[in-house]
Every structure is written in C-alpha cells, then in structure tokens.
Amino acid sequence: MGQDTGTVTCAVCGNTFGEGETRRVCDATPGTQAALKSQMPEIGPDQSVCLPDIARMRRVYLERLLEKERGELTALDEQVLESLETGTLVADEPDATWEDARGLGERAADAVARFGGSWTFILTFCVILAVWMAVNATGFLLRTFDPYPFILLNLVLSCIAALQAPIIMMSQRRQEAKDRLRSENDYKVNLKAELEIRHLHEKIDLHLHRQWERLASIQRLQIELLEEAARGDMPRK
C-alpha cells in the first residue's frame, strides 16, 4: 500500500494509483494471471496491479493464445490486440474514408462506370445507333455522311469501347480495394468480438468458481455449528 490513504502501489511498474485504478492479481482472469506469473514469478495473489499493466498482460496472454492456435500473427491481429489493450474502437468507416480520398479522375471513372452499366446508357445508345443507321440508310432529313456499311459508326464504336474498358477497369480496381478494406474491417471486428467473448467466459468461470468456494465454506461452517449444537445437546454420562 502507498503512504497516502486511498493509494495503491502497482506491483509491476511501481507507480502509485488510486484504489479504483488497480486490481488484485487474484481478481484477474486465469490467462492474465498466467501472463503475470510468467513475467513476475514472485508476484502474490493479493498484490495489486494497475489497469494499464493488467491490459498489457492480457495482451501478452492473447498473443500467445493466437500464436498457439494460428501460428504467426498478422498485422490485422496486431491491430486487434492493440485495440483490446488501449480500449479503442477497431471498426473503421471505409466508405467515408474512401469517398474523401477520391481524386477528380477517380470520381470521373466511377461516374462513367456507373452510367455505362445502367439501362439509361443502353437505351440511349440503342436510340443513337438506330437514328444513325436510319439517317445514313435512307438519307431522310439529312445528307448521307456515313453510307452502308457504316464505317464511321464502326470507328466510333471501337473508340468508345477502347476508352470505356480501361475506365471501367479503373473503377473495378477501386471497388475491389474498397471490398478488401471492408473485409479486413469485418475480420478485425469479428476477431475482437471472439476474444472479448472468450475473456467474458473466463471471468464468468472465475466468479462461479469463487461462488462455489464461498458456498462450500458456508456449508462447512453450518455443519460445524450443527455438530457443536448436537454435541451440546447430548446427555452427559
């Protein structure tokens, strides 16, 4: 205990904290206790450890757990462990970040790809082709400028296809990158939820074990009292 009333000295870092900012070793989950024991074999169950060191030991335990189950940790695993240690959110907003990072050319590519994959583009293009061929086949209203077999029309269509294909590919690559970012975000959220649930299970198991120990001690005390009462009621010879 610290010299001031209401302060506690951390057994790991040696700094002084308020009583609400520390936990006893025995109050930590078994995994965190094992990590503490591996770092400080001499630490006792009634000694106090600050919350940052508890979080750090919990991260050490989870790192060993993931390495045992999955092998080498990835950068995404490290981000999840960092989030668990610091208590920050691991989920990002990929759509908002992605929209803000787009340049003028990327916005134009997305707009062209969006319009080129719509029924509006298909119907409009069919109307233009029909009018082009009708005008040049009949000479109606206008002088024929591209007679059959419509060589100029074929050239225009080839140019449009040659330009539209790479623009659509640019937009698709951006969409793939966005989908990959969203998948990584989902993986981090799911992994953090899995680790948090496992940690909650350990806490519940620890509390249940302590509750059974208290019930067993109360039962032993009741049995002792009953035995004493029975011996007191027995007639003496």
C-alpha atoms as a PDB file:
ATOM      1  CA  MET A   1       0.000   0.000   0.000  1.00  0.00           C
ATOM      2  CA  GLY A   2       1.093   3.554  -0.610  1.00  0.00           C
ATOM      3  CA  GLN A   3       1.794   6.036   2.141  1.00  0.00           C
ATOM      4  CA  ASP A   4      -1.259   8.169   1.355  1.00  0.00           C
ATOM      5  CA  THR A   5      -4.686   6.898   2.299  1.00  0.00           C
ATOM      6  CA  GLY A   6      -6.574   5.540  -0.705  1.00  0.00           C
ATOM      7  CA  THR A   7      -3.480   4.984  -2.880  1.00  0.00           C
ATOM      8  CA  VAL A   8      -2.020   1.681  -4.015  1.00  0.00           C
ATOM      9  CA  THR A   9       1.421   0.876  -5.427  1.00  0.00           C
ATOM     10  CA  CYS A  10       1.449  -1.287  -8.540  1.00  0.00           C
ATOM     11  CA  ALA A  11       3.496  -4.451  -8.100  1.00  0.00           C
ATOM     12  CA  VAL A  12       4.586  -4.379 -11.758  1.00  0.00           C
ATOM     13  CA  CYS A  13       5.521  -0.790 -12.618  1.00  0.00           C
ATOM     14  CA  GLY A  14       5.943   0.535  -9.064  1.00  0.00           C
ATOM     15  CA  ASN A  15       3.803   3.632  -9.657  1.00  0.00           C
ATOM     16  CA  THR A  16       1.110   4.828  -7.267  1.00  0.00           C
ATOM     17  CA  PHE A  17      -2.550   4.746  -8.279  1.00  0.00           C
ATOM     18  CA  GLY A  18      -5.944   5.241  -6.727  1.00  0.00           C
ATOM     19  CA  GLU A  19      -7.744   2.205  -5.351  1.00  0.00           C
ATOM     20  CA  GLY A  20     -10.164   2.164  -8.290  1.00  0.00           C
ATOM     21  CA  GLU A  21      -7.276   2.125 -10.762  1.00  0.00           C
ATOM     22  CA  THR A  22      -5.790  -1.185  -9.649  1.00  0.00           C
ATOM     23  CA  ARG A  23      -6.850  -4.812  -9.376  1.00  0.00           C
ATOM     24  CA  ARG A  24      -5.607  -7.633  -7.195  1.00  0.00           C
ATOM     25  CA  VAL A  25      -3.829 -10.413  -9.026  1.00  0.00           C
ATOM     26  CA  CYS A  26      -6.383 -12.960  -7.815  1.00  0.00           C
ATOM     27  CA  ASP A  27      -9.185 -10.860  -9.350  1.00  0.00           C
ATOM     28  CA  ALA A  28      -7.719 -11.154 -12.855  1.00  0.00           C
ATOM     29  CA  THR A  29      -8.697 -13.930 -15.242  1.00  0.00           C
ATOM     30  CA  PRO A  30      -6.601 -17.126 -15.244  1.00  0.00           C
ATOM     31  CA  GLY A  31      -4.983 -16.219 -18.567  1.00  0.00           C
ATOM     32  CA  THR A  32      -3.933 -12.783 -17.319  1.00  0.00           C
ATOM     33  CA  GLN A  33      -2.665 -14.316 -14.087  1.00  0.00           C
ATOM     34  CA  ALA A  34      -0.573 -16.796 -16.075  1.00  0.00           C
ATOM     35  CA  ALA A  35       0.947 -13.934 -18.092  1.00  0.00           C
ATOM     36  CA  LEU A  36       1.725 -12.048 -14.875  1.00  0.00           C
ATOM     37  CA  LYS A  37       3.330 -15.137 -13.364  1.00  0.00           C
ATOM     38  CA  SER A  38       5.481 -15.617 -16.456  1.00  0.00           C
ATOM     39  CA  GLN A  39       6.716 -12.013 -16.229  1.00  0.00           C
ATOM     40  CA  MET A  40       6.988 -11.869 -12.409  1.00  0.00           C
ATOM     41  CA  PRO A  41       7.112 -15.361 -10.838  1.00  0.00           C
ATOM     42  CA  GLU A  42       7.377 -13.863  -7.339  1.00  0.00           C
ATOM     43  CA  ILE A  43       4.142 -11.851  -7.519  1.00  0.00           C
ATOM     44  CA  GLY A  44       1.491 -12.806  -4.944  1.00  0.00           C
ATOM     45  CA  PRO A  45      -2.252 -13.232  -5.460  1.00  0.00           C
ATOM     46  CA  ASP A  46      -3.096 -10.378  -3.060  1.00  0.00           C
ATOM     47  CA  GLN A  47      -0.742  -7.848  -4.649  1.00  0.00           C
ATOM     48  CA  SER A  48      -2.248  -5.014  -6.690  1.00  0.00           C
ATOM     49  CA  VAL A  49      -1.562  -4.272 -10.349  1.00  0.00           C
ATOM     50  CA  CYS A  50      -2.600  -1.124 -12.225  1.00  0.00           C
ATOM     51  CA  LEU A  51      -5.163  -1.347 -15.013  1.00  0.00           C
ATOM     52  CA  PRO A  52      -2.678  -0.494 -17.817  1.00  0.00           C
ATOM     53  CA  ASP A  53      -0.424  -3.363 -16.744  1.00  0.00           C
ATOM     54  CA  ILE A  54      -3.432  -5.660 -16.452  1.00  0.00           C
ATOM     55  CA  ALA A  55      -4.355  -4.741 -20.042  1.00  0.00           C
ATOM     56  CA  ARG A  56      -0.762  -5.300 -21.160  1.00  0.00           C
ATOM     57  CA  MET A  57      -0.622  -8.733 -19.516  1.00  0.00           C
ATOM     58  CA  ARG A  58      -3.940  -9.583 -21.081  1.00  0.00           C
ATOM     59  CA  ARG A  59      -2.487  -8.705 -24.481  1.00  0.00           C
ATOM     60  CA  VAL A  60       0.529 -10.943 -23.787  1.00  0.00           C
ATOM     61  CA  TYR A  61      -1.816 -13.817 -22.961  1.00  0.00           C
ATOM     62  CA  LEU A  62      -3.919 -13.253 -26.099  1.00  0.00           C
ATOM     63  CA  GLU A  63      -0.808 -13.022 -28.282  1.00  0.00           C
ATOM     64  CA  ARG A  64       0.367 -16.401 -27.003  1.00  0.00           C
ATOM     65  CA  LEU A  65      -3.110 -17.827 -27.465  1.00  0.00           C
ATOM     66  CA  LEU A  66      -3.367 -16.654 -31.085  1.00  0.00           C
ATOM     67  CA  GLU A  67       0.171 -17.796 -31.890  1.00  0.00           C
ATOM     68  CA  LYS A  68      -0.646 -21.223 -30.496  1.00  0.00           C
ATOM     69  CA  GLU A  69      -3.891 -21.514 -32.471  1.00  0.00           C
ATOM     70  CA  ARG A  70      -2.968 -19.727 -35.718  1.00  0.00           C
ATOM     71  CA  GLY A  71       0.790 -19.517 -35.875  1.00  0.00           C
ATOM     72  CA  GLU A  72       2.431 -16.221 -36.792  1.00  0.00           C
ATOM     73  CA  LEU A  73       0.350 -13.131 -36.109  1.00  0.00           C
ATOM     74  CA  THR A  74      -0.632 -10.844 -38.968  1.00  0.00           C
ATOM     75  CA  ALA A  75      -0.762  -7.051 -38.993  1.00  0.00           C
ATOM     76  CA  LEU A  76      -4.545  -7.212 -38.582  1.00  0.00           C
ATOM     77  CA  ASP A  77      -4.137  -9.405 -35.475  1.00  0.00           C
ATOM     78  CA  GLU A  78      -1.731  -6.870 -34.019  1.00  0.00           C
ATOM     79  CA  GLN A  79      -4.247  -4.081 -34.637  1.00  0.00           C
ATOM     80  CA  VAL A  80      -6.948  -6.040 -32.812  1.00  0.00           C
ATOM     81  CA  LEU A  81      -4.649  -6.729 -29.858  1.00  0.00           C
ATOM     82  CA  GLU A  82      -3.668  -3.054 -29.741  1.00  0.00           C
ATOM     83  CA  SER A  83      -7.357  -2.121 -29.698  1.00  0.00           C
ATOM     84  CA  LEU A  84      -8.031  -4.541 -26.841  1.00  0.00           C
ATOM     85  CA  GLU A  85      -5.123  -3.154 -24.833  1.00  0.00           C
ATOM     86  CA  THR A  86      -5.978   0.514 -25.293  1.00  0.00           C
ATOM     87  CA  GLY A  87      -9.769   0.106 -25.256  1.00  0.00           C
ATOM     88  CA  THR A  88     -10.211   1.928 -28.563  1.00  0.00           C
ATOM     89  CA  LEU A  89     -12.587   1.013 -31.374  1.00  0.00           C
ATOM     90  CA  VAL A  90     -11.224  -1.276 -34.049  1.00  0.00           C
ATOM     91  CA  ALA A  91     -14.002  -0.638 -36.594  1.00  0.00           C
ATOM     92  CA  ASP A  92     -13.359   1.909 -39.326  1.00  0.00           C
ATOM     93  CA  GLU A  93     -15.729   3.624 -41.735  1.00  0.00           C
ATOM     94  CA  PRO A  94     -14.200   2.531 -45.060  1.00  0.00           C
ATOM     95  CA  ASP A  95     -16.859   4.095 -47.270  1.00  0.00           C
ATOM     96  CA  ALA A  96     -16.481   7.603 -45.841  1.00  0.00           C
ATOM     97  CA  THR A  97     -12.678   7.416 -45.881  1.00  0.00           C
ATOM     98  CA  TRP A  98     -12.683   6.053 -49.404  1.00  0.00           C
ATOM     99  CA  GLU A  99     -15.024   8.722 -50.743  1.00  0.00           C
ATOM    100  CA  ASP A 100     -12.938  11.517 -49.246  1.00  0.00           C
ATOM    101  CA  ALA A 101      -9.721  10.111 -50.769  1.00  0.00           C
ATOM    102  CA  ARG A 102     -11.021  10.090 -54.356  1.00  0.00           C
ATOM    103  CA  GLY A 103      -9.482  12.453 -56.893  1.00  0.00           C
ATOM    104  CA  LEU A 104     -11.141  14.072 -59.898  1.00  0.00           C
ATOM    105  CA  GLY A 105     -10.086  11.305 -62.287  1.00  0.00           C
ATOM    106  CA  GLU A 106     -11.282   8.584 -59.915  1.00  0.00           C
ATOM    107  CA  ARG A 107     -14.636  10.294 -59.451  1.00  0.00           C
ATOM    108  CA  ALA A 108     -14.985  10.585 -63.231  1.00  0.00           C
ATOM    109  CA  ALA A 109     -14.113   6.886 -63.673  1.00  0.00           C
ATOM    110  CA  ASP A 110     -16.729   5.890 -61.093  1.00  0.00           C
ATOM    111  CA  ALA A 111     -19.338   8.070 -62.802  1.00  0.00           C
ATOM    112  CA  VAL A 112     -18.561   6.626 -66.261  1.00  0.00           C
ATOM    113  CA  ALA A 113     -18.662   3.056 -64.930  1.00  0.00           C
ATOM    114  CA  ARG A 114     -21.914   3.752 -63.109  1.00  0.00           C
ATOM    115  CA  PHE A 115     -23.537   5.268 -66.204  1.00  0.00           C
ATOM    116  CA  GLY A 116     -22.114   2.632 -68.564  1.00  0.00           C
ATOM    117  CA  GLY A 117     -23.702  -0.155 -66.532  1.00  0.00           C
ATOM    118  CA  SER A 118     -27.198   1.306 -66.483  1.00  0.00           C
ATOM    119  CA  TRP A 119     -30.289   0.822 -68.627  1.00  0.00           C
ATOM    120  CA  THR A 120     -30.216   4.535 -69.391  1.00  0.00           C
ATOM    121  CA  PHE A 121     -26.926   4.098 -71.243  1.00  0.00           C
ATOM    122  CA  ILE A 122     -28.148   1.002 -73.096  1.00  0.00           C
ATOM    123  CA  LEU A 123     -31.416   2.554 -74.256  1.00  0.00           C
ATOM    124  CA  THR A 124     -29.805   5.879 -75.171  1.00  0.00           C
ATOM    125  CA  PHE A 125     -27.086   4.134 -77.139  1.00  0.00           C
ATOM    126  CA  CYS A 126     -29.632   1.951 -78.978  1.00  0.00           C
ATOM    127  CA  VAL A 127     -31.606   5.048 -79.971  1.00  0.00           C
ATOM    128  CA  ILE A 128     -28.454   6.799 -81.251  1.00  0.00           C
ATOM    129  CA  LEU A 129     -27.459   3.733 -83.292  1.00  0.00           C
ATOM    130  CA  ALA A 130     -30.942   3.378 -84.765  1.00  0.00           C
ATOM    131  CA  VAL A 131     -31.089   7.068 -85.747  1.00  0.00           C
ATOM    132  CA  TRP A 132     -27.550   6.950 -87.184  1.00  0.00           C
ATOM    133  CA  MET A 133     -28.273   3.907 -89.346  1.00  0.00           C
ATOM    134  CA  ALA A 134     -31.724   5.165 -90.409  1.00  0.00           C
ATOM    135  CA  VAL A 135     -30.399   8.568 -91.489  1.00  0.00           C
ATOM    136  CA  ASN A 136     -27.475   7.116 -93.426  1.00  0.00           C
ATOM    137  CA  ALA A 137     -29.500   4.286 -94.979  1.00  0.00           C
ATOM    138  CA  THR A 138     -32.401   6.449 -96.185  1.00  0.00           C
ATOM    139  CA  GLY A 139     -30.895   9.922 -96.386  1.00  0.00           C
ATOM    140  CA  PHE A 140     -34.024  11.180 -94.596  1.00  0.00           C
ATOM    141  CA  LEU A 141     -33.813  14.822 -93.418  1.00  0.00           C
ATOM    142  CA  LEU A 142     -30.004  14.859 -93.613  1.00  0.00           C
ATOM    143  CA  ARG A 143     -27.433  14.192 -96.281  1.00  0.00           C
ATOM    144  CA  THR A 144     -25.859  10.760 -96.029  1.00  0.00           C
ATOM    145  CA  PHE A 145     -22.490  11.162 -94.237  1.00  0.00           C
ATOM    146  CA  ASP A 146     -21.759   7.507 -93.370  1.00  0.00           C
ATOM    147  CA  PRO A 147     -23.204   5.194 -96.025  1.00  0.00           C
ATOM    148  CA  TYR A 148     -23.577   1.470 -95.585  1.00  0.00           C
ATOM    149  CA  PRO A 149     -21.646  -0.486 -94.164  1.00  0.00           C
ATOM    150  CA  PHE A 150     -21.304   2.441 -91.710  1.00  0.00           C
ATOM    151  CA  ILE A 151     -17.509   2.551 -91.473  1.00  0.00           C
ATOM    152  CA  LEU A 152     -17.537   5.768 -89.450  1.00  0.00           C
ATOM    153  CA  LEU A 153     -20.022   4.213 -86.993  1.00  0.00           C
ATOM    154  CA  ASN A 154     -17.741   1.204 -86.552  1.00  0.00           C
ATOM    155  CA  LEU A 155     -14.817   3.546 -85.877  1.00  0.00           C
ATOM    156  CA  VAL A 156     -16.798   5.492 -83.288  1.00  0.00           C
ATOM    157  CA  LEU A 157     -17.929   2.289 -81.571  1.00  0.00           C
ATOM    158  CA  SER A 158     -14.361   0.962 -81.484  1.00  0.00           C
ATOM    159  CA  CYS A 159     -13.095   4.205 -79.940  1.00  0.00           C
ATOM    160  CA  ILE A 160     -15.852   4.189 -77.322  1.00  0.00           C
ATOM    161  CA  ALA A 161     -15.119   0.544 -76.419  1.00  0.00           C
ATOM    162  CA  ALA A 162     -11.356   1.188 -76.286  1.00  0.00           C
ATOM    163  CA  LEU A 163     -11.845   4.099 -73.864  1.00  0.00           C
ATOM    164  CA  GLN A 164     -14.689   2.662 -71.815  1.00  0.00           C
ATOM    165  CA  ALA A 165     -12.974  -0.648 -70.998  1.00  0.00           C
ATOM    166  CA  PRO A 166      -9.940   0.782 -69.111  1.00  0.00           C
ATOM    167  CA  ILE A 167     -12.139   3.359 -67.355  1.00  0.00           C
ATOM    168  CA  ILE A 168     -14.428   0.585 -66.084  1.00  0.00           C
ATOM    169  CA  MET A 169     -11.367  -1.449 -65.049  1.00  0.00           C
ATOM    170  CA  MET A 170     -10.110   1.528 -63.026  1.00  0.00           C
ATOM    171  CA  SER A 171     -13.426   1.731 -61.204  1.00  0.00           C
ATOM    172  CA  GLN A 172     -13.458  -2.038 -60.633  1.00  0.00           C
ATOM    173  CA  ARG A 173      -9.986  -1.964 -59.109  1.00  0.00           C
ATOM    174  CA  ARG A 174     -11.103   0.768 -56.743  1.00  0.00           C
ATOM    175  CA  GLN A 175     -14.173  -1.280 -55.826  1.00  0.00           C
ATOM    176  CA  GLU A 176     -12.005  -4.348 -55.193  1.00  0.00           C
ATOM    177  CA  ALA A 177      -9.738  -2.321 -52.928  1.00  0.00           C
ATOM    178  CA  LYS A 178     -12.780  -0.987 -51.066  1.00  0.00           C
ATOM    179  CA  ASP A 179     -14.193  -4.514 -50.682  1.00  0.00           C
ATOM    180  CA  ARG A 180     -10.845  -5.750 -49.387  1.00  0.00           C
ATOM    181  CA  LEU A 181     -10.757  -2.915 -46.840  1.00  0.00           C
ATOM    182  CA  ARG A 182     -14.305  -3.764 -45.766  1.00  0.00           C
ATOM    183  CA  SER A 183     -13.394  -7.457 -45.418  1.00  0.00           C
ATOM    184  CA  GLU A 184     -10.367  -6.595 -43.286  1.00  0.00           C
ATOM    185  CA  ASN A 185     -12.560  -4.392 -41.121  1.00  0.00           C
ATOM    186  CA  ASP A 186     -15.075  -7.236 -40.674  1.00  0.00           C
ATOM    187  CA  TYR A 187     -12.245  -9.625 -39.777  1.00  0.00           C
ATOM    188  CA  LYS A 188     -10.899  -7.289 -37.105  1.00  0.00           C
ATOM    189  CA  VAL A 189     -14.359  -6.748 -35.608  1.00  0.00           C
ATOM    190  CA  ASN A 190     -15.106 -10.491 -35.564  1.00  0.00           C
ATOM    191  CA  LEU A 191     -11.738 -11.373 -34.047  1.00  0.00           C
ATOM    192  CA  LYS A 192     -12.091  -8.733 -31.339  1.00  0.00           C
ATOM    193  CA  ALA A 193     -15.613  -9.943 -30.544  1.00  0.00           C
ATOM    194  CA  GLU A 194     -14.355 -13.537 -30.320  1.00  0.00           C
ATOM    195  CA  LEU A 195     -11.544 -12.587 -27.949  1.00  0.00           C
ATOM    196  CA  GLU A 196     -13.855 -10.436 -25.828  1.00  0.00           C
ATOM    197  CA  ILE A 197     -16.387 -13.277 -25.543  1.00  0.00           C
ATOM    198  CA  ARG A 198     -13.642 -15.691 -24.536  1.00  0.00           C
ATOM    199  CA  HIS A 199     -12.451 -13.201 -21.924  1.00  0.00           C
ATOM    200  CA  LEU A 200     -16.006 -12.861 -20.584  1.00  0.00           C
ATOM    201  CA  HIS A 201     -16.274 -16.656 -20.330  1.00  0.00           C
ATOM    202  CA  GLU A 202     -13.089 -16.723 -18.269  1.00  0.00           C
ATOM    203  CA  LYS A 203     -14.455 -14.016 -15.973  1.00  0.00           C
ATOM    204  CA  ILE A 204     -17.740 -15.866 -15.510  1.00  0.00           C
ATOM    205  CA  ASP A 205     -15.910 -19.125 -14.796  1.00  0.00           C
ATOM    206  CA  LEU A 206     -13.723 -17.343 -12.256  1.00  0.00           C
ATOM    207  CA  HIS A 207     -16.731 -15.834 -10.454  1.00  0.00           C
ATOM    208  CA  LEU A 208     -18.591 -19.148 -10.475  1.00  0.00           C
ATOM    209  CA  HIS A 209     -15.557 -20.917  -9.015  1.00  0.00           C
ATOM    210  CA  ARG A 210     -15.295 -18.343  -6.238  1.00  0.00           C
ATOM    211  CA  GLN A 211     -19.024 -18.538  -5.563  1.00  0.00           C
ATOM    212  CA  TRP A 212     -18.812 -22.314  -5.203  1.00  0.00           C
ATOM    213  CA  GLU A 213     -15.865 -21.908  -2.833  1.00  0.00           C
ATOM    214  CA  ARG A 214     -17.880 -19.480  -0.694  1.00  0.00           C
ATOM    215  CA  LEU A 215     -20.884 -21.813  -0.680  1.00  0.00           C
ATOM    216  CA  ALA A 216     -18.663 -24.731   0.286  1.00  0.00           C
ATOM    217  CA  SER A 217     -17.083 -22.761   3.142  1.00  0.00           C
ATOM    218  CA  ILE A 218     -20.533 -21.651   4.362  1.00  0.00           C
ATOM    219  CA  GLN A 219     -21.735 -25.234   4.217  1.00  0.00           C
ATOM    220  CA  ARG A 220     -18.723 -26.453   6.188  1.00  0.00           C
ATOM    221  CA  LEU A 221     -19.342 -23.746   8.781  1.00  0.00           C
ATOM    222  CA  GLN A 222     -23.004 -24.747   9.082  1.00  0.00           C
ATOM    223  CA  ILE A 223     -22.046 -28.395   9.504  1.00  0.00           C
ATOM    224  CA  GLU A 224     -19.559 -27.465  12.228  1.00  0.00           C
ATOM    225  CA  LEU A 225     -22.194 -25.410  14.033  1.00  0.00           C
ATOM    226  CA  LEU A 226     -24.698 -28.250  13.796  1.00  0.00           C
ATOM    227  CA  GLU A 227     -22.144 -30.702  15.130  1.00  0.00           C
ATOM    228  CA  GLU A 228     -21.329 -28.397  18.018  1.00  0.00           C
ATOM    229  CA  ALA A 229     -25.019 -27.952  18.778  1.00  0.00           C
ATOM    230  CA  ALA A 230     -25.564 -31.700  18.618  1.00  0.00           C
ATOM    231  CA  ARG A 231     -22.671 -32.346  20.981  1.00  0.00           C
ATOM    232  CA  GLY A 232     -24.046 -29.748  23.382  1.00  0.00           C
ATOM    233  CA  ASP A 233     -27.487 -31.377  23.377  1.00  0.00           C
ATOM    234  CA  MET A 234     -26.130 -34.866  24.031  1.00  0.00           C
ATOM    235  CA  PRO A 235     -26.686 -36.033  27.650  1.00  0.00           C
ATOM    236  CA  ARG A 236     -23.529 -36.315  29.653  1.00  0.00           C
ATOM    237  CA  LYS A 237     -22.677 -39.623  31.325  1.00  0.00           C
END
